[in-house]
N, C-alpha and C. Protein backbone atom coordinates (compact mmCIF):
# COMPACT_ATOMS: atom_id res chain seq x y z
N UNK A 1 0.91 -1.34 0.89
CA UNK A 1 0.43 0.39 0.01
C UNK A 1 0.46 0.90 -0.69
N UNK A 2 0.22 2.12 -0.60
CA UNK A 2 1.10 3.45 -0.93
C UNK A 2 1.04 4.12 0.59
N UNK A 3 1.55 5.04 0.58
CA UNK A 3 1.59 6.08 1.72
C UNK A 3 1.20 8.01 0.91
N UNK A 4 0.04 7.82 0.19
CA UNK A 4 -0.73 8.18 0.13
C UNK A 4 -0.80 9.21 -1.72
N UNK A 5 0.61 8.59 -1.83
CA UNK A 5 0.64 9.23 -3.44
C UNK A 5 1.28 8.14 -4.34
N UNK A 6 0.16 8.98 -5.74
CA UNK A 6 -0.22 7.58 -6.40
C UNK A 6 -0.28 8.35 -7.53
N UNK A 7 0.07 7.76 -8.40
CA UNK A 7 0.44 8.41 -10.36
C UNK A 7 -0.16 7.79 -10.96
N UNK A 8 -0.66 8.49 -12.44
CA UNK A 8 -1.09 8.15 -13.33
C UNK A 8 0.55 7.63 -14.70
N UNK A 9 0.66 6.59 -14.48
CA UNK A 9 1.18 6.55 -15.30
C UNK A 9 0.70 6.27 -17.26
N UNK A 10 1.53 7.60 -18.46
CA UNK A 10 0.95 7.76 -19.21
C UNK A 10 1.56 6.73 -20.07
N UNK A 11 2.24 6.02 -19.79
CA UNK A 11 3.92 5.93 -20.63
C UNK A 11 2.32 3.99 -20.65
N UNK A 12 1.88 3.05 -19.14
CA UNK A 12 1.45 2.32 -19.19
C UNK A 12 0.23 2.40 -19.16
N UNK A 13 -0.80 3.31 -19.10
CA UNK A 13 -1.84 3.99 -19.16
C UNK A 13 -2.47 3.27 -17.82
N UNK A 14 -1.96 3.07 -16.69
CA UNK A 14 -2.37 2.60 -15.38
C UNK A 14 -1.68 3.54 -14.06
N UNK A 15 -2.77 3.16 -13.67
CA UNK A 15 -2.89 4.11 -11.82
C UNK A 15 -1.43 3.11 -11.64
N UNK A 16 0.23 3.57 -10.44
CA UNK A 16 1.26 3.46 -10.26
C UNK A 16 1.30 4.03 -8.33
N UNK A 17 1.25 3.54 -7.64
CA UNK A 17 1.55 4.41 -6.05
C UNK A 17 3.27 4.95 -6.54
N UNK A 18 3.87 4.66 -5.11
CA UNK A 18 5.31 6.00 -4.97
C UNK A 18 6.06 5.31 -6.48
N UNK A 19 5.52 3.86 -5.91
CA UNK A 19 7.35 3.24 -6.67
C UNK A 19 6.84 2.95 -7.48
N UNK A 20 7.18 3.49 -8.86
CA UNK A 20 6.73 3.31 -10.44
C UNK A 20 7.30 3.98 -11.71
N UNK A 21 6.86 4.11 -12.50
CA UNK A 21 7.66 4.76 -14.25
C UNK A 21 8.53 5.83 -13.53
N UNK A 22 9.01 6.75 -14.14
CA UNK A 22 10.27 7.96 -13.59
C UNK A 22 8.77 8.85 -13.85
N UNK A 23 8.80 9.58 -13.11
CA UNK A 23 8.06 10.83 -12.86
C UNK A 23 7.73 11.90 -14.57
N UNK A 24 8.59 11.63 -15.22
CA UNK A 24 8.88 11.70 -16.23
C UNK A 24 7.48 11.72 -16.99
N UNK A 25 6.89 9.86 -17.06
CA UNK A 25 5.94 9.64 -18.11
C UNK A 25 4.35 9.41 -16.40
N UNK A 26 4.67 10.29 -15.78
CA UNK A 26 3.55 9.49 -14.60
C UNK A 26 2.55 11.42 -14.91
N UNK A 27 1.51 11.25 -14.54
CA UNK A 27 0.94 13.00 -13.88
C UNK A 27 0.42 12.21 -12.44
N UNK A 28 0.42 13.40 -11.69
CA UNK A 28 0.46 12.65 -9.78
C UNK A 28 1.32 14.35 -9.54
N UNK A 29 1.74 13.66 -8.48
CA UNK A 29 0.94 12.64 -7.19
C UNK A 29 -0.51 13.43 -7.28
N UNK A 30 -1.23 12.55 -6.72
CA UNK A 30 -2.85 12.29 -6.05
C UNK A 30 -2.64 11.51 -4.77
N UNK A 31 -3.07 12.08 -3.55
CA UNK A 31 -3.66 11.76 -2.46
C UNK A 31 -4.43 9.92 -2.61
N UNK A 32 -5.32 9.64 -3.73
CA UNK A 32 -5.69 8.27 -3.94
C UNK A 32 -5.63 8.31 -4.25
N UNK A 33 -6.15 6.40 -4.90
CA UNK A 33 -6.04 5.93 -5.92
C UNK A 33 -6.89 6.59 -6.98
N UNK A 34 -7.98 6.88 -6.81
CA UNK A 34 -8.45 7.24 -7.12
C UNK A 34 -8.89 8.38 -7.87
N UNK A 35 -8.39 8.97 -7.87
CA UNK A 35 -7.88 9.98 -8.17
C UNK A 35 -6.80 10.29 -8.70
N UNK A 36 -6.12 9.76 -9.09
CA UNK A 36 -5.31 9.59 -10.20
C UNK A 36 -6.28 8.20 -10.56
N UNK A 37 -7.18 7.53 -11.39
CA UNK A 37 -7.17 7.31 -12.43
C UNK A 37 -8.54 7.65 -13.23
N UNK A 38 -8.73 8.69 -12.06
CA UNK A 38 -9.04 10.66 -13.09
C UNK A 38 -8.10 11.68 -13.54
N UNK A 39 -7.17 10.63 -13.82
CA UNK A 39 -6.31 12.07 -14.32
C UNK A 39 -6.80 12.40 -15.49
N UNK A 40 -6.17 11.50 -16.42
CA UNK A 40 -6.38 12.31 -17.43
C UNK A 40 -8.05 12.54 -18.46
N UNK A 41 -8.97 12.46 -17.44
CA UNK A 41 -10.11 12.73 -17.45
C UNK A 41 -9.79 14.41 -16.98
N UNK A 42 -9.64 14.69 -15.93
CA UNK A 42 -9.68 16.07 -14.83
C UNK A 42 -8.51 16.97 -15.87
N UNK A 43 -7.86 15.97 -16.73
CA UNK A 43 -6.81 16.50 -17.60
C UNK A 43 -7.19 17.49 -19.04
N UNK A 44 -8.60 16.40 -19.39
CA UNK A 44 -8.46 17.51 -20.32
C UNK A 44 -9.84 17.96 -20.09
N UNK A 45 -10.47 17.59 -18.77
CA UNK A 45 -11.46 18.94 -18.55
C UNK A 45 -10.90 20.24 -18.32
N UNK A 46 -9.57 21.03 -17.75
CA UNK A 46 -8.88 21.49 -17.72
C UNK A 46 -8.57 21.45 -18.90
N UNK A 47 -8.39 21.07 -19.26
CA UNK A 47 -7.89 22.22 -20.85
C UNK A 47 -9.32 22.84 -21.79
N UNK A 48 -10.24 21.60 -22.06
CA UNK A 48 -11.40 22.45 -22.31
C UNK A 48 -12.00 23.64 -21.35
N UNK A 49 -11.53 23.76 -19.83
CA UNK A 49 -11.83 25.58 -19.60
C UNK A 49 -11.14 26.30 -20.14
N UNK A 50 -9.32 25.65 -20.13
CA UNK A 50 -8.88 26.68 -20.73
C UNK A 50 -8.67 27.58 -21.58
N UNK A 51 -9.16 26.87 -22.92
CA UNK A 51 -9.49 26.23 -23.66
C UNK A 51 -10.84 27.86 -24.21
N UNK A 52 -11.90 27.78 -23.68
CA UNK A 52 -12.78 28.30 -23.32
C UNK A 52 -12.21 29.40 -22.47
N UNK A 53 -11.73 29.89 -21.89
CA UNK A 53 -11.20 31.15 -21.90
C UNK A 53 -10.79 31.48 -22.43
N UNK A 54 -9.75 31.41 -22.64
CA UNK A 54 -8.76 32.04 -24.33
C UNK A 54 -9.58 32.37 -25.28
N UNK A 55 -10.89 31.69 -25.70
CA UNK A 55 -11.80 32.39 -26.42
C UNK A 55 -12.74 33.10 -26.00
N UNK A 56 -13.10 33.36 -24.74
CA UNK A 56 -13.46 34.40 -24.27
C UNK A 56 -12.78 35.68 -24.30
N UNK A 57 -11.60 35.80 -24.04
CA UNK A 57 -10.52 36.48 -24.29
C UNK A 57 -10.55 37.12 -25.41
N UNK A 58 -10.10 36.57 -26.89
CA UNK A 58 -9.48 37.48 -27.36
C UNK A 58 -11.15 38.47 -28.41
């Protein structure tokens, strides 16, 4: 069990504990395994929000 550090590995497309792939291949850290599992959706939602904000500024 991890000490609260969870990551989403972009290379293997899975959640990993602290001991895993190099950080350059991961998103995180997250406090829970569930949060890490939602990393790609969270990134997509943020990107969409930022794109909409940029369009509103133009």
